[in-house]
């Protein structure tokens, strides 16, 4: 499944790069604060690891864009009073965005797509999952070519390989983008 996700990301990136026209291709970086709720039949706890995401996208029109992203954890966190910490290993995905221009500088958007997410903990255990990713956000154009965004996303659920523990993840992303 990872190979298919990576191949899809490379394909999406190559499509965007081959069809670049003035001001319709963009790239950026996002800081992600994750809320990862670990749960099983006995209860649950929340961890808040962080990540960095690299994003590339192509505006298809004023109201539609496609994006591909890849993320990597930069800090781990201890869920509740557990004796281990959880970190995002990898996040790979692609989304379609529907955008509504509120003003010349401000856009709001919704997005939906597919992603794969991989976690590990300090005990060496792995958790992964893939599926639908969706979210809402706002983009503020600082200049014609530079924008800032804030978005809330629901990432696919993941499950530990060796334990009956599920991870439900949401992300608050803050980003900076350059349009070409």
C-alpha atoms as a PDB file:
ATOM      1  CA  UNK A   1       0.000   0.000   0.000  1.00  0.00           C
ATOM      2  CA  UNK A   2       2.888   2.398   0.740  1.00  0.00           C
ATOM      3  CA  UNK A   3       4.277   1.898  -2.767  1.00  0.00           C
ATOM      4  CA  UNK A   4       0.904   2.765  -4.320  1.00  0.00           C
ATOM      5  CA  UNK A   5       0.658   5.904  -2.182  1.00  0.00           C
ATOM      6  CA  UNK A   6       4.172   6.992  -3.103  1.00  0.00           C
ATOM      7  CA  UNK A   7       3.586   6.250  -6.800  1.00  0.00           C
ATOM      8  CA  UNK A   8       0.366   8.272  -6.666  1.00  0.00           C
ATOM      9  CA  UNK A   9       2.171  11.183  -5.038  1.00  0.00           C
ATOM     10  CA  UNK A  10       4.953  11.124  -7.657  1.00  0.00           C
ATOM     11  CA  UNK A  11       2.331  10.989 -10.428  1.00  0.00           C
ATOM     12  CA  UNK A  12       0.433  13.944  -8.939  1.00  0.00           C
ATOM     13  CA  UNK A  13       3.656  15.936  -8.604  1.00  0.00           C
ATOM     14  CA  UNK A  14       4.675  15.217 -12.192  1.00  0.00           C
ATOM     15  CA  UNK A  15       1.255  16.275 -13.502  1.00  0.00           C
ATOM     16  CA  UNK A  16       1.510  19.557 -11.665  1.00  0.00           C
ATOM     17  CA  UNK A  17       5.067  20.203 -12.794  1.00  0.00           C
ATOM     18  CA  UNK A  18       4.373  19.403 -16.456  1.00  0.00           C
ATOM     19  CA  UNK A  19       1.393  21.725 -16.736  1.00  0.00           C
ATOM     20  CA  UNK A  20       2.780  24.810 -14.987  1.00  0.00           C
ATOM     21  CA  UNK A  21       1.373  28.104 -16.224  1.00  0.00           C
ATOM     22  CA  UNK A  22       1.631  31.543 -14.689  1.00  0.00           C
ATOM     23  CA  UNK A  23       0.422  31.602 -11.072  1.00  0.00           C
ATOM     24  CA  UNK A  24      -1.278  28.217 -10.973  1.00  0.00           C
ATOM     25  CA  UNK A  25       1.390  26.021  -9.359  1.00  0.00           C
ATOM     26  CA  UNK A  26       2.254  26.408  -5.671  1.00  0.00           C
ATOM     27  CA  UNK A  27       4.357  24.816  -2.985  1.00  0.00           C
ATOM     28  CA  UNK A  28       4.604  25.318   0.733  1.00  0.00           C
ATOM     29  CA  UNK A  29       5.374  24.044   4.173  1.00  0.00           C
ATOM     30  CA  UNK A  30       3.007  23.477   7.095  1.00  0.00           C
ATOM     31  CA  UNK A  31       3.556  23.019  10.810  1.00  0.00           C
ATOM     32  CA  UNK A  32       1.088  20.432  12.154  1.00  0.00           C
ATOM     33  CA  UNK A  33      -0.132  20.076  15.725  1.00  0.00           C
ATOM     34  CA  UNK A  34      -1.760  16.644  15.903  1.00  0.00           C
ATOM     35  CA  UNK A  35      -4.405  15.464  18.336  1.00  0.00           C
ATOM     36  CA  UNK A  36      -4.022  11.676  18.367  1.00  0.00           C
ATOM     37  CA  UNK A  37      -6.576   9.838  20.492  1.00  0.00           C
ATOM     38  CA  UNK A  38      -5.455   6.304  21.347  1.00  0.00           C
ATOM     39  CA  UNK A  39      -8.295   4.036  22.452  1.00  0.00           C
ATOM     40  CA  UNK A  40      -9.268   0.433  23.086  1.00  0.00           C
ATOM     41  CA  UNK A  41     -12.083  -1.333  24.932  1.00  0.00           C
ATOM     42  CA  UNK A  42     -10.601  -0.268  28.303  1.00  0.00           C
ATOM     43  CA  UNK A  43     -10.425   3.463  27.608  1.00  0.00           C
ATOM     44  CA  UNK A  44      -8.105   5.919  25.982  1.00  0.00           C
ATOM     45  CA  UNK A  45      -5.618   8.754  26.164  1.00  0.00           C
ATOM     46  CA  UNK A  46      -4.536  11.628  23.934  1.00  0.00           C
ATOM     47  CA  UNK A  47      -1.087  12.452  22.555  1.00  0.00           C
ATOM     48  CA  UNK A  48      -0.154  15.690  20.773  1.00  0.00           C
ATOM     49  CA  UNK A  49       2.858  15.053  18.516  1.00  0.00           C
ATOM     50  CA  UNK A  50       3.910  17.631  15.899  1.00  0.00           C
ATOM     51  CA  UNK A  51       4.914  17.314  12.244  1.00  0.00           C
ATOM     52  CA  UNK A  52       6.142  19.241   9.208  1.00  0.00           C
ATOM     53  CA  UNK A  53       4.307  18.810   5.889  1.00  0.00           C
ATOM     54  CA  UNK A  54       5.577  19.671   2.416  1.00  0.00           C
ATOM     55  CA  UNK A  55       2.730  20.515   0.034  1.00  0.00           C
ATOM     56  CA  UNK A  56       2.591  20.996  -3.745  1.00  0.00           C
ATOM     57  CA  UNK A  57      -0.518  21.992  -5.603  1.00  0.00           C
ATOM     58  CA  UNK A  58      -2.008  23.159  -8.845  1.00  0.00           C
ATOM     59  CA  UNK A  59      -4.923  25.534  -9.257  1.00  0.00           C
ATOM     60  CA  UNK A  60      -7.237  24.113 -11.884  1.00  0.00           C
ATOM     61  CA  UNK A  61      -9.522  27.164 -11.704  1.00  0.00           C
ATOM     62  CA  UNK A  62     -10.363  29.947  -9.255  1.00  0.00           C
ATOM     63  CA  UNK A  63     -12.494  27.448  -7.310  1.00  0.00           C
ATOM     64  CA  UNK A  64     -10.651  24.115  -7.616  1.00  0.00           C
ATOM     65  CA  UNK A  65      -7.141  22.878  -6.852  1.00  0.00           C
ATOM     66  CA  UNK A  66      -5.363  19.571  -6.380  1.00  0.00           C
ATOM     67  CA  UNK A  67      -2.659  19.020  -3.767  1.00  0.00           C
ATOM     68  CA  UNK A  68      -0.183  16.339  -2.812  1.00  0.00           C
ATOM     69  CA  UNK A  69       1.543  16.309   0.558  1.00  0.00           C
ATOM     70  CA  UNK A  70       4.118  14.422   2.541  1.00  0.00           C
ATOM     71  CA  UNK A  71       4.685  14.835   6.277  1.00  0.00           C
ATOM     72  CA  UNK A  72       7.233  13.781   8.869  1.00  0.00           C
ATOM     73  CA  UNK A  73       6.992  13.883  12.652  1.00  0.00           C
ATOM     74  CA  UNK A  74       9.234  16.376  14.461  1.00  0.00           C
ATOM     75  CA  UNK A  75       8.251  15.692  18.079  1.00  0.00           C
ATOM     76  CA  UNK A  76       6.603  12.912  20.044  1.00  0.00           C
ATOM     77  CA  UNK A  77       4.220  13.058  23.003  1.00  0.00           C
ATOM     78  CA  UNK A  78       3.175  10.795  25.877  1.00  0.00           C
ATOM     79  CA  UNK A  79      -0.496   9.749  25.789  1.00  0.00           C
ATOM     80  CA  UNK A  80      -1.907  10.375  29.262  1.00  0.00           C
ATOM     81  CA  UNK A  81       0.105   8.576  31.945  1.00  0.00           C
ATOM     82  CA  UNK A  82       1.553   5.937  29.580  1.00  0.00           C
ATOM     83  CA  UNK A  83       5.179   4.833  29.835  1.00  0.00           C
ATOM     84  CA  UNK A  84       5.809   5.379  26.109  1.00  0.00           C
ATOM     85  CA  UNK A  85       5.542   8.252  23.636  1.00  0.00           C
ATOM     86  CA  UNK A  86       3.951   8.353  20.175  1.00  0.00           C
ATOM     87  CA  UNK A  87       5.374  10.008  17.046  1.00  0.00           C
ATOM     88  CA  UNK A  88       4.124  10.431  13.500  1.00  0.00           C
ATOM     89  CA  UNK A  89       6.556   8.617  11.200  1.00  0.00           C
ATOM     90  CA  UNK A  90       5.074   9.461   7.793  1.00  0.00           C
ATOM     91  CA  UNK A  91       2.027  11.030   6.217  1.00  0.00           C
ATOM     92  CA  UNK A  92       1.454  10.881   2.447  1.00  0.00           C
ATOM     93  CA  UNK A  93      -1.643  11.928   0.551  1.00  0.00           C
ATOM     94  CA  UNK A  94      -3.477  13.877  -2.120  1.00  0.00           C
ATOM     95  CA  UNK A  95      -6.575  16.068  -1.912  1.00  0.00           C
ATOM     96  CA  UNK A  96      -8.968  18.086  -4.050  1.00  0.00           C
ATOM     97  CA  UNK A  97      -9.820  21.568  -2.763  1.00  0.00           C
ATOM     98  CA  UNK A  98     -12.999  23.538  -3.375  1.00  0.00           C
ATOM     99  CA  UNK A  99     -12.264  27.234  -2.778  1.00  0.00           C
ATOM    100  CA  UNK A 100     -14.560  30.205  -2.208  1.00  0.00           C
ATOM    101  CA  UNK A 101     -12.932  33.647  -2.571  1.00  0.00           C
ATOM    102  CA  UNK A 102     -14.250  35.836   0.272  1.00  0.00           C
ATOM    103  CA  UNK A 103     -12.207  38.843  -0.879  1.00  0.00           C
ATOM    104  CA  UNK A 104      -9.216  39.516  -3.102  1.00  0.00           C
ATOM    105  CA  UNK A 105      -6.890  38.474  -0.253  1.00  0.00           C
ATOM    106  CA  UNK A 106      -8.921  35.844   1.624  1.00  0.00           C
ATOM    107  CA  UNK A 107     -10.138  32.425   0.458  1.00  0.00           C
ATOM    108  CA  UNK A 108     -11.895  29.718   2.452  1.00  0.00           C
ATOM    109  CA  UNK A 109     -11.811  26.116   1.316  1.00  0.00           C
ATOM    110  CA  UNK A 110     -12.853  22.566   1.957  1.00  0.00           C
ATOM    111  CA  UNK A 111     -10.778  19.585   0.959  1.00  0.00           C
ATOM    112  CA  UNK A 112     -11.185  15.844   0.601  1.00  0.00           C
ATOM    113  CA  UNK A 113      -8.794  13.139  -0.514  1.00  0.00           C
ATOM    114  CA  UNK A 114      -6.847  10.054   0.417  1.00  0.00           C
ATOM    115  CA  UNK A 115      -3.897   9.668   2.807  1.00  0.00           C
ATOM    116  CA  UNK A 116      -1.730   7.075   4.492  1.00  0.00           C
ATOM    117  CA  UNK A 117      -0.456   7.660   8.035  1.00  0.00           C
ATOM    118  CA  UNK A 118       2.222   5.765   9.987  1.00  0.00           C
ATOM    119  CA  UNK A 119       3.015   6.066  13.702  1.00  0.00           C
ATOM    120  CA  UNK A 120       5.622   4.500  15.967  1.00  0.00           C
ATOM    121  CA  UNK A 121       6.175   4.619  19.701  1.00  0.00           C
ATOM    122  CA  UNK A 122       9.253   4.472  21.900  1.00  0.00           C
ATOM    123  CA  UNK A 123       8.572   0.774  22.604  1.00  0.00           C
ATOM    124  CA  UNK A 124       9.133   0.056  18.892  1.00  0.00           C
ATOM    125  CA  UNK A 125       5.469  -0.669  18.152  1.00  0.00           C
ATOM    126  CA  UNK A 126       3.957   0.499  14.853  1.00  0.00           C
ATOM    127  CA  UNK A 127       0.522   1.753  13.900  1.00  0.00           C
ATOM    128  CA  UNK A 128      -0.717   2.628  10.430  1.00  0.00           C
ATOM    129  CA  UNK A 129      -3.828   3.375   8.468  1.00  0.00           C
ATOM    130  CA  UNK A 130      -5.077   4.743   5.187  1.00  0.00           C
ATOM    131  CA  UNK A 131      -8.303   6.245   3.956  1.00  0.00           C
ATOM    132  CA  UNK A 132     -10.225   9.465   3.563  1.00  0.00           C
ATOM    133  CA  UNK A 133      -8.746  12.775   4.717  1.00  0.00           C
ATOM    134  CA  UNK A 134     -10.931  15.894   4.825  1.00  0.00           C
ATOM    135  CA  UNK A 135     -10.787  19.378   6.226  1.00  0.00           C
ATOM    136  CA  UNK A 136     -11.550  23.078   6.066  1.00  0.00           C
ATOM    137  CA  UNK A 137      -9.239  26.055   5.941  1.00  0.00           C
ATOM    138  CA  UNK A 138      -8.556  29.667   5.090  1.00  0.00           C
ATOM    139  CA  UNK A 139      -5.797  31.180   2.961  1.00  0.00           C
ATOM    140  CA  UNK A 140      -4.661  34.797   3.222  1.00  0.00           C
ATOM    141  CA  UNK A 141      -2.704  36.233   0.283  1.00  0.00           C
ATOM    142  CA  UNK A 142       0.084  38.420   1.691  1.00  0.00           C
ATOM    143  CA  UNK A 143       1.211  39.265  -1.860  1.00  0.00           C
ATOM    144  CA  UNK A 144       0.234  37.924  -5.260  1.00  0.00           C
ATOM    145  CA  UNK A 145       2.779  35.103  -4.847  1.00  0.00           C
ATOM    146  CA  UNK A 146       2.916  34.524  -1.060  1.00  0.00           C
ATOM    147  CA  UNK A 147       0.090  33.240   1.135  1.00  0.00           C
ATOM    148  CA  UNK A 148      -0.452  31.956   4.661  1.00  0.00           C
ATOM    149  CA  UNK A 149      -2.994  29.332   5.626  1.00  0.00           C
ATOM    150  CA  UNK A 150      -4.634  27.756   8.620  1.00  0.00           C
ATOM    151  CA  UNK A 151      -6.590  24.524   8.304  1.00  0.00           C
ATOM    152  CA  UNK A 152      -8.195  21.802  10.347  1.00  0.00           C
ATOM    153  CA  UNK A 153      -7.994  18.247   8.954  1.00  0.00           C
ATOM    154  CA  UNK A 154      -9.322  14.849   9.963  1.00  0.00           C
ATOM    155  CA  UNK A 155      -6.738  12.224   9.030  1.00  0.00           C
ATOM    156  CA  UNK A 156      -7.411   8.499   8.466  1.00  0.00           C
ATOM    157  CA  UNK A 157      -7.756   6.288  11.523  1.00  0.00           C
ATOM    158  CA  UNK A 158      -4.827   4.008  12.237  1.00  0.00           C
ATOM    159  CA  UNK A 159      -4.440   0.815  14.226  1.00  0.00           C
ATOM    160  CA  UNK A 160      -1.525  -0.733  16.091  1.00  0.00           C
ATOM    161  CA  UNK A 161      -0.117  -3.830  14.385  1.00  0.00           C
ATOM    162  CA  UNK A 162       0.233  -5.934  17.554  1.00  0.00           C
ATOM    163  CA  UNK A 163      -2.372  -4.451  19.891  1.00  0.00           C
ATOM    164  CA  UNK A 164      -6.075  -3.678  19.826  1.00  0.00           C
ATOM    165  CA  UNK A 165      -5.448   0.072  19.970  1.00  0.00           C
ATOM    166  CA  UNK A 166      -6.933   2.532  17.481  1.00  0.00           C
ATOM    167  CA  UNK A 167      -5.619   6.041  16.802  1.00  0.00           C
ATOM    168  CA  UNK A 168      -8.049   8.780  15.742  1.00  0.00           C
ATOM    169  CA  UNK A 169      -6.105  11.813  14.467  1.00  0.00           C
ATOM    170  CA  UNK A 170      -7.006  15.426  13.791  1.00  0.00           C
ATOM    171  CA  UNK A 171      -4.524  18.120  12.736  1.00  0.00           C
ATOM    172  CA  UNK A 172      -4.308  21.885  13.033  1.00  0.00           C
ATOM    173  CA  UNK A 173      -1.990  23.088  10.254  1.00  0.00           C
ATOM    174  CA  UNK A 174      -0.322  26.499   9.863  1.00  0.00           C
ATOM    175  CA  UNK A 175       1.428  27.073   6.559  1.00  0.00           C
ATOM    176  CA  UNK A 176       3.262  29.405   4.197  1.00  0.00           C
ATOM    177  CA  UNK A 177       3.029  29.026   0.415  1.00  0.00           C
ATOM    178  CA  UNK A 178       4.655  30.429  -2.719  1.00  0.00           C
ATOM    179  CA  UNK A 179       2.770  30.556  -6.039  1.00  0.00           C
ATOM    180  CA  UNK A 180       4.632  30.231  -9.355  1.00  0.00           C
END
